[in-house]
N, C-alpha and C. Protein backbone atom coordinates (compact mmCIF):
# COMPACT_ATOMS: atom_id res chain seq x y z
N LYS A 1 25.84 -12.38 -26.69
CA LYS A 1 24.80 -11.57 -26.16
C LYS A 1 25.40 -10.28 -25.54
N ASN A 2 24.66 -9.23 -25.54
CA ASN A 2 25.05 -8.03 -24.93
C ASN A 2 23.87 -7.28 -24.33
N VAL A 3 24.20 -6.39 -23.41
CA VAL A 3 23.16 -5.58 -22.78
C VAL A 3 23.12 -4.29 -23.46
N ASP A 4 22.06 -4.04 -24.33
CA ASP A 4 22.09 -2.90 -25.24
C ASP A 4 21.92 -1.55 -24.50
N TRP A 5 21.45 -1.61 -23.28
CA TRP A 5 21.19 -0.34 -22.51
C TRP A 5 22.45 0.06 -21.72
N PHE A 6 23.43 -0.80 -21.61
CA PHE A 6 24.61 -0.52 -20.81
C PHE A 6 25.53 0.36 -21.65
N LYS A 7 25.90 1.51 -21.08
CA LYS A 7 26.80 2.43 -21.80
C LYS A 7 27.33 3.39 -20.81
N PHE A 8 28.41 4.11 -21.16
CA PHE A 8 28.95 5.22 -20.43
C PHE A 8 28.35 6.56 -20.88
N SER A 9 28.11 7.41 -19.97
CA SER A 9 27.51 8.73 -20.29
C SER A 9 28.26 9.79 -19.58
N THR A 10 28.32 10.92 -20.16
CA THR A 10 28.99 12.12 -19.54
C THR A 10 28.06 12.78 -18.48
N ILE A 11 28.66 13.24 -17.50
CA ILE A 11 27.91 13.99 -16.41
C ILE A 11 28.39 15.40 -16.42
N GLU A 12 27.40 16.31 -16.40
CA GLU A 12 27.73 17.72 -16.37
C GLU A 12 28.33 18.08 -14.99
N LEU A 13 29.27 19.07 -15.02
CA LEU A 13 29.85 19.54 -13.79
C LEU A 13 28.87 20.13 -12.92
N GLN A 14 27.88 20.78 -13.45
CA GLN A 14 26.84 21.44 -12.70
C GLN A 14 26.00 20.41 -11.90
N ASP A 15 25.80 19.23 -12.52
CA ASP A 15 25.05 18.20 -11.81
C ASP A 15 25.85 17.64 -10.63
N ILE A 16 27.14 17.54 -10.81
CA ILE A 16 28.05 17.12 -9.69
C ILE A 16 27.97 18.06 -8.57
N LYS A 17 28.05 19.39 -8.87
CA LYS A 17 27.98 20.41 -7.87
C LYS A 17 26.69 20.36 -7.09
N LYS A 18 25.62 20.18 -7.81
CA LYS A 18 24.27 20.08 -7.17
C LYS A 18 24.19 18.94 -6.19
N THR A 19 24.74 17.81 -6.67
CA THR A 19 24.68 16.61 -5.82
C THR A 19 25.57 16.79 -4.52
N ILE A 20 26.77 17.35 -4.67
CA ILE A 20 27.62 17.57 -3.54
C ILE A 20 26.94 18.62 -2.60
N ASN A 21 26.34 19.70 -3.18
CA ASN A 21 25.66 20.68 -2.37
C ASN A 21 24.55 20.10 -1.55
N LEU A 22 23.75 19.23 -2.21
CA LEU A 22 22.58 18.58 -1.48
C LEU A 22 23.12 17.67 -0.44
N SER A 23 24.16 16.89 -0.70
CA SER A 23 24.69 15.98 0.26
C SER A 23 25.25 16.75 1.47
N GLY A 24 25.84 17.92 1.26
CA GLY A 24 26.37 18.73 2.32
C GLY A 24 25.20 19.24 3.22
N LYS A 25 24.10 19.63 2.57
CA LYS A 25 22.93 20.09 3.31
C LYS A 25 22.43 18.99 4.21
N PHE A 26 22.30 17.76 3.68
CA PHE A 26 21.80 16.64 4.47
C PHE A 26 22.72 16.34 5.67
N MET A 27 24.07 16.44 5.42
CA MET A 27 25.01 16.23 6.48
C MET A 27 24.87 17.26 7.60
N LEU A 28 24.65 18.58 7.19
CA LEU A 28 24.49 19.62 8.16
C LEU A 28 23.15 19.48 8.92
N GLU A 29 22.10 19.05 8.19
CA GLU A 29 20.83 18.81 8.87
C GLU A 29 20.90 17.72 9.79
N ARG A 30 21.70 16.71 9.49
CA ARG A 30 21.90 15.55 10.49
C ARG A 30 22.59 16.08 11.71
N LEU A 31 23.61 16.91 11.55
CA LEU A 31 24.43 17.43 12.68
C LEU A 31 23.54 18.30 13.57
N VAL A 32 22.68 19.12 12.99
CA VAL A 32 21.79 20.00 13.75
C VAL A 32 20.79 19.17 14.52
N ARG A 33 20.34 18.11 13.84
CA ARG A 33 19.39 17.22 14.54
C ARG A 33 20.00 16.55 15.73
N VAL A 34 21.20 16.08 15.58
CA VAL A 34 21.88 15.38 16.65
C VAL A 34 22.13 16.34 17.85
N LEU A 35 22.48 17.60 17.48
CA LEU A 35 22.72 18.60 18.56
C LEU A 35 21.45 18.83 19.27
N ASN A 36 20.31 18.99 18.60
CA ASN A 36 18.99 19.21 19.22
C ASN A 36 18.61 18.01 20.14
N LYS A 37 18.95 16.80 19.69
CA LYS A 37 18.56 15.63 20.56
C LYS A 37 19.37 15.48 21.78
N SER A 38 20.70 15.88 21.67
CA SER A 38 21.62 15.63 22.84
C SER A 38 21.84 16.85 23.67
N SER A 39 21.26 17.97 23.29
CA SER A 39 21.58 19.21 24.02
C SER A 39 20.96 19.22 25.42
N ASP A 40 19.85 18.48 25.59
CA ASP A 40 19.23 18.49 26.93
C ASP A 40 20.13 17.94 28.01
N LEU A 41 20.82 16.78 27.68
CA LEU A 41 21.75 16.21 28.71
C LEU A 41 22.92 17.16 28.93
N VAL A 42 23.47 17.73 27.91
CA VAL A 42 24.67 18.59 28.09
C VAL A 42 24.26 19.78 28.89
N LEU A 43 23.15 20.43 28.58
CA LEU A 43 22.74 21.61 29.31
C LEU A 43 22.38 21.33 30.75
N LEU A 44 21.78 20.20 30.98
CA LEU A 44 21.39 19.88 32.36
C LEU A 44 22.60 19.50 33.16
N GLY A 45 23.61 18.84 32.55
CA GLY A 45 24.84 18.59 33.27
C GLY A 45 25.65 19.83 33.62
N ILE A 46 25.65 20.81 32.69
CA ILE A 46 26.41 22.00 32.94
C ILE A 46 25.71 22.91 33.99
N LEU A 47 24.40 23.08 33.85
CA LEU A 47 23.66 24.01 34.67
C LEU A 47 23.10 23.48 35.96
N ALA A 48 22.96 22.13 36.06
CA ALA A 48 22.44 21.52 37.28
C ALA A 48 23.32 20.54 37.94
N GLY A 49 24.08 19.83 37.12
CA GLY A 49 25.02 18.81 37.71
C GLY A 49 24.74 17.39 37.19
N PRO A 50 25.68 16.57 37.29
CA PRO A 50 25.57 15.13 36.77
C PRO A 50 24.51 14.33 37.52
N THR A 51 24.23 14.61 38.79
CA THR A 51 23.20 13.92 39.53
C THR A 51 21.84 14.08 38.82
N TYR A 52 21.53 15.26 38.36
CA TYR A 52 20.23 15.50 37.72
C TYR A 52 20.24 14.84 36.35
N VAL A 53 21.35 14.76 35.73
CA VAL A 53 21.43 14.06 34.41
C VAL A 53 21.03 12.62 34.58
N GLY A 54 21.57 11.99 35.65
CA GLY A 54 21.23 10.59 35.93
C GLY A 54 19.78 10.42 36.18
N ILE A 55 19.17 11.26 37.04
CA ILE A 55 17.75 11.15 37.36
C ILE A 55 16.90 11.33 36.08
N TYR A 56 17.25 12.32 35.25
CA TYR A 56 16.53 12.57 34.04
C TYR A 56 16.60 11.46 33.06
N SER A 57 17.84 10.92 32.90
CA SER A 57 18.02 9.85 31.90
C SER A 57 17.26 8.56 32.35
N ILE A 58 17.30 8.22 33.61
CA ILE A 58 16.57 7.02 34.11
C ILE A 58 15.12 7.25 34.04
N SER A 59 14.63 8.44 34.35
CA SER A 59 13.18 8.62 34.37
C SER A 59 12.54 8.68 32.99
N ARG A 60 13.33 8.98 31.99
CA ARG A 60 12.81 8.98 30.63
C ARG A 60 13.11 7.69 29.81
N PHE A 61 13.66 6.72 30.51
CA PHE A 61 14.07 5.48 29.84
C PHE A 61 12.89 4.77 29.19
N LEU A 62 11.80 4.64 29.95
CA LEU A 62 10.64 3.90 29.38
C LEU A 62 10.04 4.63 28.24
N MET A 63 9.97 6.02 28.26
CA MET A 63 9.39 6.76 27.21
C MET A 63 10.26 6.66 25.97
N ASN A 64 11.58 6.66 26.14
CA ASN A 64 12.47 6.51 25.03
C ASN A 64 12.29 5.17 24.33
N ALA A 65 12.08 4.14 25.13
CA ALA A 65 11.83 2.79 24.59
C ALA A 65 10.53 2.77 23.81
N ALA A 66 9.51 3.43 24.35
CA ALA A 66 8.18 3.55 23.61
C ALA A 66 8.35 4.31 22.34
N ILE A 67 9.09 5.40 22.36
CA ILE A 67 9.33 6.20 21.13
C ILE A 67 10.03 5.37 20.11
N GLY A 68 10.97 4.54 20.52
CA GLY A 68 11.66 3.66 19.55
C GLY A 68 10.74 2.74 18.84
N LEU A 69 9.77 2.22 19.57
CA LEU A 69 8.75 1.37 18.95
C LEU A 69 7.82 2.12 17.97
N ILE A 70 7.38 3.27 18.44
CA ILE A 70 6.49 4.11 17.60
C ILE A 70 7.20 4.58 16.33
N ASN A 71 8.49 4.92 16.43
CA ASN A 71 9.22 5.44 15.30
C ASN A 71 9.46 4.44 14.21
N LYS A 72 9.19 3.16 14.52
CA LYS A 72 9.30 2.13 13.43
C LYS A 72 8.26 2.37 12.35
N ILE A 73 7.20 3.14 12.65
CA ILE A 73 6.14 3.39 11.71
C ILE A 73 6.67 4.26 10.54
N ILE A 74 7.44 5.31 10.88
CA ILE A 74 7.84 6.35 9.89
C ILE A 74 8.71 5.79 8.77
N PRO A 75 9.81 5.03 9.04
CA PRO A 75 10.52 4.50 7.93
C PRO A 75 9.75 3.54 7.06
N ALA A 76 8.77 2.86 7.67
CA ALA A 76 7.92 1.96 6.86
C ALA A 76 7.08 2.65 5.83
N VAL A 77 6.63 3.85 6.13
CA VAL A 77 5.75 4.53 5.22
C VAL A 77 6.48 5.59 4.38
N THR A 78 7.75 5.86 4.61
CA THR A 78 8.46 6.84 3.86
C THR A 78 8.49 6.65 2.36
N PRO A 79 8.73 5.37 1.86
CA PRO A 79 8.68 5.18 0.38
C PRO A 79 7.34 5.63 -0.16
N GLY A 80 6.21 5.31 0.51
CA GLY A 80 4.94 5.70 0.03
C GLY A 80 4.77 7.24 -0.02
N PHE A 81 5.27 7.84 1.00
CA PHE A 81 5.29 9.32 0.99
C PHE A 81 6.03 9.92 -0.21
N GLY A 82 7.19 9.27 -0.47
CA GLY A 82 7.99 9.77 -1.61
C GLY A 82 7.33 9.60 -2.95
N ARG A 83 6.58 8.55 -3.10
CA ARG A 83 5.76 8.36 -4.36
C ARG A 83 4.73 9.42 -4.48
N LEU A 84 4.02 9.67 -3.42
CA LEU A 84 2.94 10.63 -3.45
C LEU A 84 3.46 12.04 -3.70
N ILE A 85 4.59 12.36 -3.14
CA ILE A 85 5.19 13.70 -3.40
C ILE A 85 5.66 13.80 -4.81
N GLY A 86 6.30 12.75 -5.31
CA GLY A 86 6.79 12.70 -6.68
C GLY A 86 5.68 12.85 -7.69
N GLU A 87 4.54 12.23 -7.44
CA GLU A 87 3.46 12.29 -8.33
C GLU A 87 2.49 13.47 -7.98
N LYS A 88 2.85 14.28 -6.99
CA LYS A 88 2.08 15.46 -6.57
C LYS A 88 0.62 15.16 -6.26
N LYS A 89 0.44 14.02 -5.63
CA LYS A 89 -0.87 13.63 -5.10
C LYS A 89 -1.04 14.09 -3.69
N TYR A 90 -1.15 15.41 -3.51
CA TYR A 90 -1.02 15.97 -2.18
C TYR A 90 -2.24 15.66 -1.35
N GLU A 91 -3.43 15.48 -1.97
CA GLU A 91 -4.59 15.15 -1.12
C GLU A 91 -4.45 13.80 -0.43
N LYS A 92 -3.91 12.79 -1.23
CA LYS A 92 -3.63 11.50 -0.65
C LYS A 92 -2.52 11.62 0.39
N LEU A 93 -1.52 12.40 0.13
CA LEU A 93 -0.47 12.64 1.05
C LEU A 93 -0.89 13.19 2.40
N LEU A 94 -1.80 14.17 2.34
CA LEU A 94 -2.32 14.76 3.57
C LEU A 94 -3.20 13.76 4.32
N ASN A 95 -3.90 12.96 3.56
CA ASN A 95 -4.76 11.94 4.19
C ASN A 95 -3.95 10.91 4.85
N ALA A 96 -2.85 10.46 4.24
CA ALA A 96 -1.96 9.43 4.87
C ALA A 96 -1.26 10.03 6.05
N ARG A 97 -0.82 11.33 5.95
CA ARG A 97 -0.15 12.02 7.06
C ARG A 97 -1.12 12.06 8.27
N SER A 98 -2.38 12.40 7.98
CA SER A 98 -3.34 12.49 9.07
C SER A 98 -3.52 11.23 9.79
N LYS A 99 -3.55 10.10 9.05
CA LYS A 99 -3.76 8.75 9.63
C LYS A 99 -2.56 8.39 10.46
N ILE A 100 -1.35 8.71 9.99
CA ILE A 100 -0.11 8.38 10.73
C ILE A 100 -0.06 9.19 12.03
N ILE A 101 -0.40 10.49 11.96
CA ILE A 101 -0.48 11.31 13.14
C ILE A 101 -1.44 10.75 14.20
N SER A 102 -2.66 10.36 13.72
CA SER A 102 -3.65 9.74 14.59
C SER A 102 -3.09 8.48 15.27
N LEU A 103 -2.40 7.67 14.52
CA LEU A 103 -1.88 6.43 14.99
C LEU A 103 -0.77 6.78 16.09
N VAL A 104 0.04 7.77 15.79
CA VAL A 104 1.12 8.10 16.80
C VAL A 104 0.46 8.67 18.04
N TRP A 105 -0.57 9.47 17.94
CA TRP A 105 -1.27 10.00 19.10
C TRP A 105 -1.89 8.87 19.89
N PHE A 106 -2.56 7.93 19.23
CA PHE A 106 -3.21 6.82 19.91
C PHE A 106 -2.21 5.96 20.65
N SER A 107 -1.20 5.55 19.94
CA SER A 107 -0.16 4.66 20.59
C SER A 107 0.63 5.39 21.62
N GLY A 108 0.98 6.66 21.35
CA GLY A 108 1.70 7.46 22.27
C GLY A 108 0.92 7.69 23.52
N SER A 109 -0.40 7.93 23.45
CA SER A 109 -1.23 8.15 24.60
C SER A 109 -1.36 6.92 25.49
N ILE A 110 -1.40 5.77 24.85
CA ILE A 110 -1.54 4.50 25.58
C ILE A 110 -0.21 4.24 26.37
N PHE A 111 0.92 4.31 25.60
CA PHE A 111 2.25 4.11 26.23
C PHE A 111 2.40 5.18 27.35
N GLY A 112 2.07 6.40 27.04
CA GLY A 112 2.22 7.49 28.00
C GLY A 112 1.47 7.32 29.27
N ALA A 113 0.23 6.87 29.15
CA ALA A 113 -0.57 6.61 30.38
C ALA A 113 0.05 5.54 31.20
N LEU A 114 0.48 4.50 30.55
CA LEU A 114 1.12 3.31 31.29
C LEU A 114 2.42 3.78 32.02
N ILE A 115 3.18 4.65 31.28
CA ILE A 115 4.41 5.15 31.89
C ILE A 115 4.15 6.05 33.07
N CYS A 116 3.14 6.93 32.93
CA CYS A 116 2.79 7.80 34.08
C CYS A 116 2.41 7.04 35.30
N LEU A 117 1.71 5.91 35.07
CA LEU A 117 1.25 5.03 36.17
C LEU A 117 2.36 4.22 36.82
N TRP A 118 3.27 3.65 35.97
CA TRP A 118 4.19 2.65 36.43
C TRP A 118 5.68 3.06 36.44
N ASN A 119 5.94 4.22 36.00
CA ASN A 119 7.35 4.66 35.95
C ASN A 119 8.02 4.66 37.35
N GLU A 120 7.28 5.17 38.29
CA GLU A 120 7.81 5.22 39.64
C GLU A 120 8.13 3.81 40.18
N SER A 121 7.16 2.92 40.01
CA SER A 121 7.41 1.57 40.47
C SER A 121 8.55 0.91 39.77
N PHE A 122 8.67 1.11 38.51
CA PHE A 122 9.74 0.55 37.70
C PHE A 122 11.11 1.04 38.23
N ILE A 123 11.22 2.32 38.46
CA ILE A 123 12.51 2.89 38.91
C ILE A 123 12.80 2.47 40.34
N ILE A 124 11.83 2.44 41.20
CA ILE A 124 12.03 2.05 42.59
C ILE A 124 12.46 0.58 42.61
N THR A 125 11.88 -0.27 41.84
CA THR A 125 12.17 -1.68 41.84
C THR A 125 13.59 -1.98 41.36
N TRP A 126 13.98 -1.35 40.26
CA TRP A 126 15.23 -1.65 39.66
C TRP A 126 16.44 -0.79 40.05
N ILE A 127 16.20 0.44 40.49
CA ILE A 127 17.29 1.41 40.75
C ILE A 127 17.19 1.99 42.16
N GLY A 128 16.11 2.71 42.42
CA GLY A 128 15.92 3.32 43.73
C GLY A 128 15.00 4.50 43.65
N ALA A 129 14.32 4.82 44.70
CA ALA A 129 13.30 5.87 44.72
C ALA A 129 13.92 7.24 44.42
N LYS A 130 15.21 7.48 44.77
CA LYS A 130 15.77 8.78 44.62
C LYS A 130 16.05 9.16 43.14
N TYR A 131 15.89 8.19 42.24
CA TYR A 131 16.15 8.49 40.84
C TYR A 131 14.79 8.74 40.09
N PHE A 132 13.66 8.76 40.80
CA PHE A 132 12.38 9.05 40.18
C PHE A 132 12.26 10.59 40.13
N VAL A 133 11.97 11.15 38.92
CA VAL A 133 11.98 12.61 38.84
C VAL A 133 10.76 13.23 39.36
N GLY A 134 9.59 12.58 39.40
CA GLY A 134 8.32 13.15 39.89
C GLY A 134 7.26 12.93 38.86
N TYR A 135 6.02 12.99 39.33
CA TYR A 135 4.87 12.66 38.45
C TYR A 135 4.64 13.71 37.43
N PHE A 136 4.70 14.96 37.78
CA PHE A 136 4.47 16.04 36.78
C PHE A 136 5.53 16.07 35.70
N GLU A 137 6.78 15.85 36.15
CA GLU A 137 7.95 15.83 35.25
C GLU A 137 7.79 14.56 34.31
N THR A 138 7.31 13.45 34.80
CA THR A 138 7.13 12.27 33.98
C THR A 138 6.03 12.59 32.91
N PHE A 139 4.97 13.26 33.34
CA PHE A 139 3.94 13.64 32.35
C PHE A 139 4.52 14.53 31.26
N LEU A 140 5.38 15.53 31.61
CA LEU A 140 6.04 16.39 30.63
C LEU A 140 7.00 15.55 29.70
N ILE A 141 7.63 14.58 30.30
CA ILE A 141 8.55 13.72 29.46
C ILE A 141 7.70 13.00 28.38
N VAL A 142 6.51 12.51 28.76
CA VAL A 142 5.60 11.87 27.81
C VAL A 142 5.12 12.81 26.75
N ILE A 143 4.76 14.01 27.14
CA ILE A 143 4.30 15.03 26.21
C ILE A 143 5.42 15.36 25.20
N LEU A 144 6.62 15.51 25.76
CA LEU A 144 7.77 15.83 24.86
C LEU A 144 8.13 14.71 23.92
N GLY A 145 8.00 13.47 24.39
CA GLY A 145 8.25 12.33 23.50
C GLY A 145 7.24 12.23 22.37
N ILE A 146 5.98 12.43 22.63
CA ILE A 146 4.94 12.44 21.60
C ILE A 146 5.15 13.62 20.62
N GLN A 147 5.47 14.75 21.20
CA GLN A 147 5.75 15.97 20.43
C GLN A 147 6.88 15.70 19.39
N VAL A 148 7.98 15.18 19.85
CA VAL A 148 9.13 14.91 18.96
C VAL A 148 8.79 13.86 17.88
N THR A 149 8.07 12.84 18.29
CA THR A 149 7.67 11.78 17.31
C THR A 149 6.79 12.35 16.18
N LEU A 150 5.87 13.20 16.53
CA LEU A 150 4.94 13.85 15.57
C LEU A 150 5.77 14.69 14.61
N GLN A 151 6.75 15.36 15.16
CA GLN A 151 7.58 16.25 14.30
C GLN A 151 8.46 15.44 13.29
N GLU A 152 8.75 14.20 13.63
CA GLU A 152 9.54 13.34 12.75
C GLU A 152 8.68 13.05 11.50
N ILE A 153 7.41 13.04 11.56
CA ILE A 153 6.57 12.76 10.38
C ILE A 153 6.76 13.92 9.34
N ASP A 154 6.53 15.17 9.75
CA ASP A 154 6.68 16.31 8.87
C ASP A 154 8.18 16.47 8.47
N GLY A 155 9.05 16.12 9.42
CA GLY A 155 10.47 16.22 9.05
C GLY A 155 10.86 15.34 7.95
N SER A 156 10.32 14.10 7.94
CA SER A 156 10.67 13.12 6.89
C SER A 156 10.06 13.58 5.55
N LEU A 157 8.85 14.24 5.60
CA LEU A 157 8.27 14.74 4.38
C LEU A 157 9.05 15.86 3.75
N ILE A 158 9.64 16.75 4.65
CA ILE A 158 10.48 17.84 4.18
C ILE A 158 11.74 17.28 3.58
N ASN A 159 12.39 16.27 4.16
CA ASN A 159 13.56 15.64 3.58
C ASN A 159 13.27 15.03 2.24
N ILE A 160 12.17 14.37 2.11
CA ILE A 160 11.81 13.77 0.83
C ILE A 160 11.63 14.81 -0.26
N SER A 161 11.09 16.00 0.09
CA SER A 161 10.86 17.08 -0.90
C SER A 161 12.11 17.85 -1.14
N LEU A 162 13.20 17.51 -0.40
CA LEU A 162 14.56 18.13 -0.63
C LEU A 162 14.58 19.60 -0.15
N ASN A 163 13.63 20.01 0.70
CA ASN A 163 13.69 21.39 1.24
C ASN A 163 14.47 21.40 2.56
N VAL A 164 15.76 21.11 2.43
CA VAL A 164 16.49 20.89 3.62
C VAL A 164 17.03 22.15 4.24
N ARG A 165 17.24 23.22 3.41
CA ARG A 165 17.80 24.47 3.88
C ARG A 165 16.93 25.11 4.98
N GLU A 166 15.64 25.08 4.76
CA GLU A 166 14.72 25.71 5.74
C GLU A 166 14.71 24.88 7.06
N LYS A 167 14.82 23.56 6.86
CA LYS A 167 14.84 22.68 8.02
C LYS A 167 16.06 22.94 8.91
N ILE A 168 17.19 23.20 8.28
CA ILE A 168 18.42 23.51 8.99
C ILE A 168 18.27 24.80 9.80
N LYS A 169 17.71 25.82 9.16
CA LYS A 169 17.46 27.07 9.83
C LYS A 169 16.62 26.94 11.07
N ILE A 170 15.54 26.18 10.95
CA ILE A 170 14.59 25.99 12.03
C ILE A 170 15.32 25.17 13.14
N GLY A 171 16.09 24.17 12.80
CA GLY A 171 16.80 23.42 13.83
C GLY A 171 17.78 24.31 14.59
N ILE A 172 18.49 25.23 13.95
CA ILE A 172 19.42 26.11 14.62
C ILE A 172 18.64 27.07 15.57
N ILE A 173 17.49 27.61 15.05
CA ILE A 173 16.64 28.47 15.88
C ILE A 173 16.12 27.78 17.12
N CYS A 174 15.71 26.54 16.92
CA CYS A 174 15.18 25.74 18.04
C CYS A 174 16.32 25.47 19.09
N LEU A 175 17.48 25.14 18.59
CA LEU A 175 18.64 24.92 19.50
C LEU A 175 18.97 26.15 20.25
N SER A 176 18.90 27.30 19.58
CA SER A 176 19.19 28.58 20.32
C SER A 176 18.23 28.86 21.39
N PHE A 177 16.88 28.60 21.09
CA PHE A 177 15.83 28.82 22.03
C PHE A 177 16.03 27.90 23.27
N THR A 178 16.38 26.63 22.97
CA THR A 178 16.61 25.64 24.00
C THR A 178 17.72 26.14 24.94
N ILE A 179 18.82 26.60 24.41
CA ILE A 179 19.92 27.03 25.19
C ILE A 179 19.50 28.23 26.06
N VAL A 180 18.87 29.20 25.49
CA VAL A 180 18.50 30.38 26.22
C VAL A 180 17.50 30.10 27.31
N LEU A 181 16.44 29.30 27.04
CA LEU A 181 15.45 28.94 28.05
C LEU A 181 16.10 28.06 29.14
N SER A 182 17.00 27.23 28.76
CA SER A 182 17.63 26.39 29.77
C SER A 182 18.50 27.16 30.70
N ILE A 183 19.21 28.16 30.19
CA ILE A 183 20.03 29.02 31.03
C ILE A 183 19.22 29.76 32.01
N ILE A 184 17.95 30.13 31.61
CA ILE A 184 17.05 30.85 32.50
C ILE A 184 16.36 29.92 33.53
N LEU A 185 15.87 28.82 32.99
CA LEU A 185 14.94 27.91 33.77
C LEU A 185 15.64 26.84 34.59
N ILE A 186 16.66 26.32 34.12
CA ILE A 186 17.30 25.14 34.86
C ILE A 186 17.81 25.58 36.22
N PRO A 187 18.52 26.72 36.38
CA PRO A 187 18.96 27.06 37.70
C PRO A 187 17.83 27.33 38.65
N LEU A 188 16.59 27.62 38.16
CA LEU A 188 15.45 27.84 39.01
C LEU A 188 14.67 26.62 39.35
N PHE A 189 14.49 25.74 38.31
CA PHE A 189 13.62 24.62 38.47
C PHE A 189 14.23 23.28 38.11
N ASP A 190 15.51 23.22 37.87
CA ASP A 190 16.22 21.97 37.55
C ASP A 190 15.57 21.27 36.33
N ILE A 191 15.24 19.97 36.52
CA ILE A 191 14.71 19.18 35.46
C ILE A 191 13.38 19.72 34.87
N LEU A 192 12.52 20.22 35.76
CA LEU A 192 11.28 20.80 35.30
C LEU A 192 11.51 22.01 34.39
N GLY A 193 12.51 22.79 34.68
CA GLY A 193 12.82 23.94 33.83
C GLY A 193 13.36 23.49 32.48
N LEU A 194 14.15 22.45 32.49
CA LEU A 194 14.66 21.86 31.22
C LEU A 194 13.47 21.44 30.31
N LEU A 195 12.54 20.70 30.95
CA LEU A 195 11.40 20.14 30.17
C LEU A 195 10.52 21.20 29.64
N VAL A 196 10.30 22.24 30.39
CA VAL A 196 9.40 23.35 29.91
C VAL A 196 10.13 24.09 28.75
N GLY A 197 11.45 24.27 28.85
CA GLY A 197 12.20 24.90 27.78
C GLY A 197 12.18 24.04 26.50
N LEU A 198 12.33 22.73 26.68
CA LEU A 198 12.31 21.87 25.49
C LEU A 198 10.97 21.85 24.80
N ILE A 199 9.95 21.79 25.60
CA ILE A 199 8.56 21.74 24.98
C ILE A 199 8.25 23.03 24.23
N PHE A 200 8.63 24.18 24.74
CA PHE A 200 8.43 25.42 24.07
C PHE A 200 9.28 25.48 22.80
N SER A 201 10.50 25.03 22.87
CA SER A 201 11.36 25.00 21.69
C SER A 201 10.89 24.06 20.56
N LYS A 202 10.39 22.91 20.96
CA LYS A 202 9.88 21.92 20.01
C LYS A 202 8.60 22.42 19.40
N MET A 203 7.79 23.28 20.12
CA MET A 203 6.66 23.88 19.54
C MET A 203 6.97 24.70 18.35
N ILE A 204 8.10 25.43 18.38
CA ILE A 204 8.54 26.23 17.26
C ILE A 204 8.82 25.31 16.04
N ILE A 205 9.47 24.20 16.29
CA ILE A 205 9.73 23.28 15.18
C ILE A 205 8.39 22.75 14.61
N GLY A 206 7.45 22.41 15.42
CA GLY A 206 6.20 21.86 14.91
C GLY A 206 5.48 22.83 14.09
N ILE A 207 5.40 24.16 14.53
CA ILE A 207 4.75 25.18 13.75
C ILE A 207 5.44 25.44 12.42
N LYS A 208 6.74 25.54 12.42
CA LYS A 208 7.47 25.87 11.29
C LYS A 208 7.50 24.69 10.25
N TYR A 209 7.54 23.49 10.67
CA TYR A 209 7.50 22.35 9.85
C TYR A 209 6.14 22.34 9.06
N SER A 210 5.07 22.62 9.77
CA SER A 210 3.77 22.64 9.16
C SER A 210 3.71 23.78 8.08
N GLN A 211 4.28 24.90 8.41
CA GLN A 211 4.31 25.98 7.41
C GLN A 211 5.17 25.65 6.17
N ILE A 212 6.29 24.98 6.34
CA ILE A 212 7.11 24.53 5.25
C ILE A 212 6.30 23.54 4.37
N LEU A 213 5.65 22.56 4.97
CA LEU A 213 4.88 21.59 4.28
C LEU A 213 3.73 22.24 3.50
N GLY A 214 3.14 23.21 4.11
CA GLY A 214 2.08 23.95 3.43
C GLY A 214 2.58 24.67 2.18
N LYS A 215 3.73 25.29 2.27
CA LYS A 215 4.39 25.94 1.12
C LYS A 215 4.74 24.99 0.06
N ILE A 216 5.23 23.81 0.41
CA ILE A 216 5.55 22.81 -0.60
C ILE A 216 4.32 22.42 -1.38
N ILE A 217 3.24 22.23 -0.67
CA ILE A 217 2.01 21.78 -1.35
C ILE A 217 1.35 22.90 -2.18
N ASN A 218 1.36 24.11 -1.62
CA ASN A 218 0.72 25.22 -2.28
C ASN A 218 1.50 25.71 -3.50
N ASN A 219 2.84 25.62 -3.46
CA ASN A 219 3.67 26.11 -4.53
C ASN A 219 3.54 25.17 -5.76
N ASP A 220 3.18 23.90 -5.52
CA ASP A 220 3.04 22.95 -6.66
C ASP A 220 1.58 22.92 -7.13
């Protein structure tokens, strides 16, 4: 017996170059994304000091845990998104995207409300009152968490469509805005300044991601 479809085939050098180029873009996109995610702690530590880093990290612990649960949704639906993009069924894609966004808003709002109510009690019980960042700052942490989670949806769609170059550019622009706004606001308002800068910077990502997604759909 033999497997009649098993055979060796030649691969064009151009195809190898395209694959290496695409892999390099995804590596660079991953690096930019990591820098965007970790820049807040670095900037806060440099511009305000390690004490504020500790307060900020502890105060956002519950929201980070909630985001981790919510983000389980996105990998679960990614294969379905890929099929719809491949088949160019954009109406169904937009419908599914809308439902996922609604689900993230709903679950994020519930978790966020609970965190706004109980974050202070949690921190006082387990660590100490001096590590609680404040009610308004906690609210901004919740808004920022929901904002980032929503952007992951469009970000995954852009990755699936292989339009990584534009995503890298946007990530670099967002990182630059974060640095500039942090340099201005953190010395004045500490953690509050950081959060305001991050929210404005992430707004740029949200707007640009939506524009890229619109171009992908309209061009096809």
